N, C-alpha and C. Protein backbone atom coordinates (compact mmCIF):
# COMPACT_ATOMS: atom_id res chain seq x y z
N MET A 1 0.37 -0.93 0.04
CA MET A 1 0.10 0.18 0.08
C MET A 1 0.84 1.16 -0.47
N THR A 2 1.00 2.33 -1.17
CA THR A 2 1.53 3.50 -0.86
C THR A 2 0.61 4.51 0.05
N THR A 3 1.79 5.24 0.40
CA THR A 3 1.09 6.38 1.46
C THR A 3 -0.37 7.05 0.86
N THR A 4 -0.12 7.97 -0.52
CA THR A 4 -0.96 8.11 -1.32
C THR A 4 -2.43 7.47 -0.61
N HIS A 5 -2.38 6.03 -1.05
CA HIS A 5 -3.77 5.06 -0.75
C HIS A 5 -3.89 4.90 0.64
N ALA A 6 -3.09 5.18 1.46
CA ALA A 6 -3.23 5.25 2.91
C ALA A 6 -3.97 6.74 3.39
N VAL A 7 -3.43 7.69 2.90
CA VAL A 7 -3.83 8.78 3.35
C VAL A 7 -5.15 9.10 2.31
N ASP A 8 -5.39 8.67 1.43
CA ASP A 8 -7.00 8.89 0.70
C ASP A 8 -8.00 7.66 1.54
N ILE A 9 -7.38 6.69 2.09
CA ILE A 9 -8.30 6.05 3.10
C ILE A 9 -8.64 6.57 4.51
N ALA A 10 -8.00 7.46 4.72
CA ALA A 10 -8.20 7.84 6.21
C ALA A 10 -9.11 9.06 5.79
N VAL A 11 -8.55 9.78 4.78
CA VAL A 11 -9.81 10.81 4.33
C VAL A 11 -11.15 10.38 4.13
N LEU A 12 -11.20 9.47 3.34
CA LEU A 12 -12.69 8.80 3.46
C LEU A 12 -13.25 8.11 4.70
N LYS A 13 -12.31 7.54 5.34
CA LYS A 13 -12.92 7.52 6.39
C LYS A 13 -13.69 8.74 7.39
N SER A 14 -13.27 9.61 7.37
CA SER A 14 -12.96 10.74 7.69
C SER A 14 -14.55 11.08 7.04
N GLU A 15 -14.65 11.42 6.00
CA GLU A 15 -16.04 11.91 5.38
C GLU A 15 -17.34 11.13 5.47
N ILE A 16 -16.91 9.77 5.80
CA ILE A 16 -17.90 8.79 6.04
C ILE A 16 -18.78 9.06 6.91
N ALA A 17 -17.39 9.32 8.06
CA ALA A 17 -17.73 9.92 10.05
C ALA A 17 -18.74 10.89 9.38
N MET A 18 -18.41 11.93 8.99
CA MET A 18 -19.08 13.12 9.13
C MET A 18 -20.31 13.08 8.24
N GLN A 19 -20.61 12.51 7.27
CA GLN A 19 -21.82 11.90 6.01
C GLN A 19 -22.92 11.39 7.02
N LEU A 20 -22.26 10.27 7.87
CA LEU A 20 -23.08 9.73 9.24
C LEU A 20 -23.20 10.51 10.56
N GLY A 21 -22.69 11.56 10.58
CA GLY A 21 -22.98 12.35 11.69
C GLY A 21 -22.13 11.92 13.11
N PHE A 22 -21.11 10.75 12.82
CA PHE A 22 -19.80 10.86 14.09
C PHE A 22 -18.69 11.78 13.91
N ASP A 23 -18.13 11.36 15.13
CA ASP A 23 -16.88 12.38 15.26
C ASP A 23 -15.73 11.34 14.41
N PRO A 24 -15.26 12.26 13.64
CA PRO A 24 -14.09 11.08 12.77
C PRO A 24 -13.02 10.92 13.88
N ARG A 25 -13.08 11.21 15.05
CA ARG A 25 -11.53 10.88 16.08
C ARG A 25 -12.33 9.80 16.79
N ASN A 26 -13.99 9.43 16.56
CA ASN A 26 -14.55 8.12 17.60
C ASN A 26 -15.39 7.74 16.54
N LEU A 27 -14.64 7.19 15.58
CA LEU A 27 -15.50 6.36 14.42
C LEU A 27 -15.83 4.99 15.29
N PRO A 28 -17.42 4.47 14.90
CA PRO A 28 -17.51 3.16 15.60
C PRO A 28 -16.56 2.27 14.24
N VAL A 29 -16.70 0.85 14.57
CA VAL A 29 -15.85 0.04 13.89
C VAL A 29 -16.58 -0.75 12.88
N ALA A 30 -18.06 -0.60 12.56
CA ALA A 30 -18.72 -1.45 11.76
C ALA A 30 -20.16 -0.86 12.34
N ILE A 31 -20.69 -0.51 10.93
CA ILE A 31 -21.99 0.26 10.79
C ILE A 31 -23.19 -0.72 10.38
N GLY A 32 -24.50 -0.64 9.98
CA GLY A 32 -25.21 -1.36 9.88
C GLY A 32 -25.57 -1.39 8.44
N ASP A 33 -26.27 -2.16 7.80
CA ASP A 33 -26.44 -2.07 6.37
C ASP A 33 -27.48 -0.71 5.53
N ARG A 34 -27.98 -0.36 6.60
CA ARG A 34 -29.05 0.87 6.15
C ARG A 34 -27.77 2.30 6.02
N GLN A 35 -27.21 2.39 7.29
CA GLN A 35 -26.28 3.25 7.15
C GLN A 35 -25.24 3.09 5.96
N ALA A 36 -24.60 2.01 5.46
CA ALA A 36 -23.82 1.63 4.79
C ALA A 36 -24.18 1.98 3.45
N ALA A 37 -25.93 1.85 2.94
CA ALA A 37 -26.08 1.84 1.76
C ALA A 37 -26.29 3.49 1.85
N GLN A 38 -26.36 4.41 2.94
CA GLN A 38 -26.52 5.58 2.93
C GLN A 38 -24.97 6.35 1.94
N VAL A 39 -24.36 5.43 2.71
CA VAL A 39 -22.33 5.92 2.76
C VAL A 39 -22.33 5.81 1.17
N LEU A 40 -22.93 4.49 0.50
CA LEU A 40 -22.35 4.40 -0.97
C LEU A 40 -23.83 4.85 -1.96
N GLU A 41 -24.67 5.73 -1.17
CA GLU A 41 -25.98 6.28 -2.10
C GLU A 41 -26.71 5.01 -2.71
N VAL A 42 -27.09 4.13 -2.19
CA VAL A 42 -27.30 3.20 -2.69
C VAL A 42 -28.86 2.54 -1.63
N LYS A 43 -29.79 1.83 -2.05
CA LYS A 43 -30.31 1.24 -1.10
C LYS A 43 -30.25 0.09 -0.58
N PRO A 44 -30.62 0.16 0.53
CA PRO A 44 -30.48 -1.19 1.32
C PRO A 44 -30.48 -2.75 0.50
N THR A 45 -31.42 -2.75 -0.07
CA THR A 45 -32.11 -3.71 -1.00
C THR A 45 -30.84 -4.17 -2.25
N THR A 46 -30.13 -2.67 -2.35
CA THR A 46 -29.15 -3.44 -3.70
C THR A 46 -27.94 -3.89 -3.00
N LEU A 47 -27.70 -3.39 -1.86
CA LEU A 47 -26.70 -4.20 -0.95
C LEU A 47 -26.56 -5.29 -0.49
N ALA A 48 -28.02 -6.03 -0.21
CA ALA A 48 -28.68 -7.25 -0.19
C ALA A 48 -28.14 -8.15 -1.48
N VAL A 49 -28.52 -7.59 -2.70
CA VAL A 49 -28.10 -8.05 -3.79
C VAL A 49 -26.78 -8.15 -4.15
N TRP A 50 -25.73 -7.77 -3.94
CA TRP A 50 -24.55 -7.69 -3.86
C TRP A 50 -23.98 -8.32 -3.29
N ARG A 51 -24.72 -8.70 -1.87
CA ARG A 51 -23.86 -9.46 -1.16
C ARG A 51 -24.42 -11.30 -1.21
N SER A 52 -25.72 -11.46 -1.78
CA SER A 52 -26.43 -12.82 -2.94
C SER A 52 -25.52 -13.14 -4.03
N THR A 53 -25.23 -12.12 -4.55
CA THR A 53 -24.88 -12.51 -6.07
C THR A 53 -23.22 -12.08 -6.30
N GLY A 54 -22.33 -11.31 -5.16
CA GLY A 54 -21.03 -11.07 -5.35
C GLY A 54 -20.83 -10.42 -6.31
N ARG A 55 -21.45 -9.60 -6.62
CA ARG A 55 -21.10 -8.99 -7.65
C ARG A 55 -20.08 -7.77 -7.58
N TYR A 56 -19.78 -6.90 -6.35
CA TYR A 56 -18.65 -6.58 -5.70
C TYR A 56 -18.12 -7.16 -4.99
N ASN A 57 -16.56 -6.92 -4.55
CA ASN A 57 -16.35 -7.23 -3.73
C ASN A 57 -15.92 -6.27 -2.84
N LEU A 58 -17.01 -6.05 -1.78
CA LEU A 58 -17.33 -5.53 -0.49
C LEU A 58 -17.45 -6.55 0.63
N PRO A 59 -16.83 -6.67 1.52
CA PRO A 59 -16.69 -7.68 2.70
C PRO A 59 -17.96 -7.18 3.75
N TYR A 60 -18.57 -7.88 4.54
CA TYR A 60 -19.74 -7.65 5.18
C TYR A 60 -19.52 -8.47 6.46
N LEU A 61 -19.92 -8.37 7.58
CA LEU A 61 -20.16 -9.18 8.79
C LEU A 61 -21.49 -9.53 9.05
N LYS A 62 -21.84 -10.81 9.50
CA LYS A 62 -23.15 -11.18 9.88
C LYS A 62 -23.02 -11.71 11.13
N VAL A 63 -24.01 -10.69 12.07
CA VAL A 63 -24.19 -11.37 13.34
C VAL A 63 -25.56 -11.33 13.91
N GLY A 64 -25.88 -12.91 13.85
CA GLY A 64 -27.02 -13.28 13.42
C GLY A 64 -27.74 -12.94 12.63
N ARG A 65 -29.04 -12.31 12.81
CA ARG A 65 -29.67 -11.89 11.04
C ARG A 65 -29.24 -10.38 11.05
N LEU A 66 -28.22 -9.72 11.66
CA LEU A 66 -27.81 -8.57 11.45
C LEU A 66 -26.70 -8.10 10.44
N VAL A 67 -27.13 -7.91 9.45
CA VAL A 67 -25.38 -7.37 8.65
C VAL A 67 -24.53 -6.01 8.75
N LYS A 68 -23.25 -6.25 9.22
CA LYS A 68 -22.51 -5.31 9.43
C LYS A 68 -21.50 -4.46 8.44
N TYR A 69 -21.15 -3.45 8.01
CA TYR A 69 -20.16 -3.23 7.34
C TYR A 69 -19.07 -2.35 8.21
N ARG A 70 -17.75 -2.84 7.87
CA ARG A 70 -16.58 -2.47 8.57
C ARG A 70 -16.23 -0.52 7.58
N VAL A 71 -16.28 0.18 8.85
CA VAL A 71 -16.12 1.32 7.85
C VAL A 71 -14.57 1.67 7.24
N SER A 72 -13.64 0.57 7.65
CA SER A 72 -12.51 0.91 6.88
C SER A 72 -12.81 0.12 5.49
N ASP A 73 -13.64 -0.61 5.47
CA ASP A 73 -13.93 -1.90 3.93
C ASP A 73 -14.58 -0.51 2.90
N LEU A 74 -15.37 -0.21 3.25
CA LEU A 74 -16.17 0.87 2.82
C LEU A 74 -15.45 1.76 2.54
N ALA A 75 -14.56 2.57 3.06
CA ALA A 75 -13.61 3.24 2.39
C ALA A 75 -12.52 2.69 1.33
N GLU A 76 -12.00 1.48 1.49
CA GLU A 76 -11.41 0.92 0.68
C GLU A 76 -12.38 0.17 -0.67
N PHE A 77 -13.23 0.20 -0.40
CA PHE A 77 -14.28 -0.09 -1.82
C PHE A 77 -14.42 1.14 -2.15
N LEU A 78 -14.90 2.24 -2.10
CA LEU A 78 -14.73 3.36 -2.27
C LEU A 78 -13.33 4.01 -3.17
N ALA A 79 -12.29 3.80 -2.27
CA ALA A 79 -10.88 4.11 -2.95
C ALA A 79 -10.89 3.71 -4.11
N ARG A 80 -11.09 1.68 -4.16
CA ARG A 80 -10.90 1.14 -5.67
C ARG A 80 -11.57 1.47 -6.53
N ARG A 81 -12.86 2.12 -6.07
CA ARG A 81 -14.09 2.54 -7.27
C ARG A 81 -13.63 3.75 -7.63
N THR A 82 -12.64 4.42 -7.34
CA THR A 82 -12.34 6.24 -7.93
C THR A 82 -11.88 6.09 -9.11
N ALA A 83 -12.17 6.55 -9.73
CA ALA A 83 -11.82 6.52 -11.30
C ALA A 83 -11.67 8.05 -11.67
N ASN A 84 -10.57 8.47 -12.72
CA ASN A 84 -9.71 9.69 -12.84
C ASN A 84 -10.45 10.15 -14.25
N HIS A 85 -10.55 9.14 -15.03
CA HIS A 85 -11.16 9.34 -16.42
C HIS A 85 -12.16 8.32 -16.80
N THR A 86 -13.07 8.27 -17.85
CA THR A 86 -13.37 7.08 -18.41
C THR A 86 -12.91 6.58 -19.84
N GLY A 87 -12.31 7.50 -20.31
CA GLY A 87 -12.17 6.66 -21.53
C GLY A 87 -10.54 7.54 -22.19
N GLU A 88 -10.22 7.44 -23.16
CA GLU A 88 -8.64 7.63 -23.77
C GLU A 88 -8.60 9.14 -23.50
N VAL A 89 -7.20 9.68 -23.45
CA VAL A 89 -7.34 10.94 -22.87
C VAL A 89 -6.59 11.34 -24.70
N ARG A 90 -7.78 12.66 -24.95
CA ARG A 90 -6.98 13.20 -26.19
C ARG A 90 -6.26 14.64 -25.93
N ALA A 91 -5.36 14.87 -27.25
CA ALA A 91 -4.95 16.18 -26.76
C ALA A 91 -5.37 16.97 -27.42
């Protein structure tokens, strides 16, 4: 992991904390599927489909019936999905 990548993850974790109304210095380790859906701006049912089909490599925790997502996994997922451009560069 490069230093830039580590900084990006830390920044993303802080942004997630602020988006959910948490203190970035006291962020919970894991959040529920509704909060994770809010962070990713998708519906909780979309996350359920992703889990059942394995569409995206987004780790989750099962605690009984509850589904939890680590904030660090969400930040890493967003970092991996970040793109600078979508096509060829034109001069």
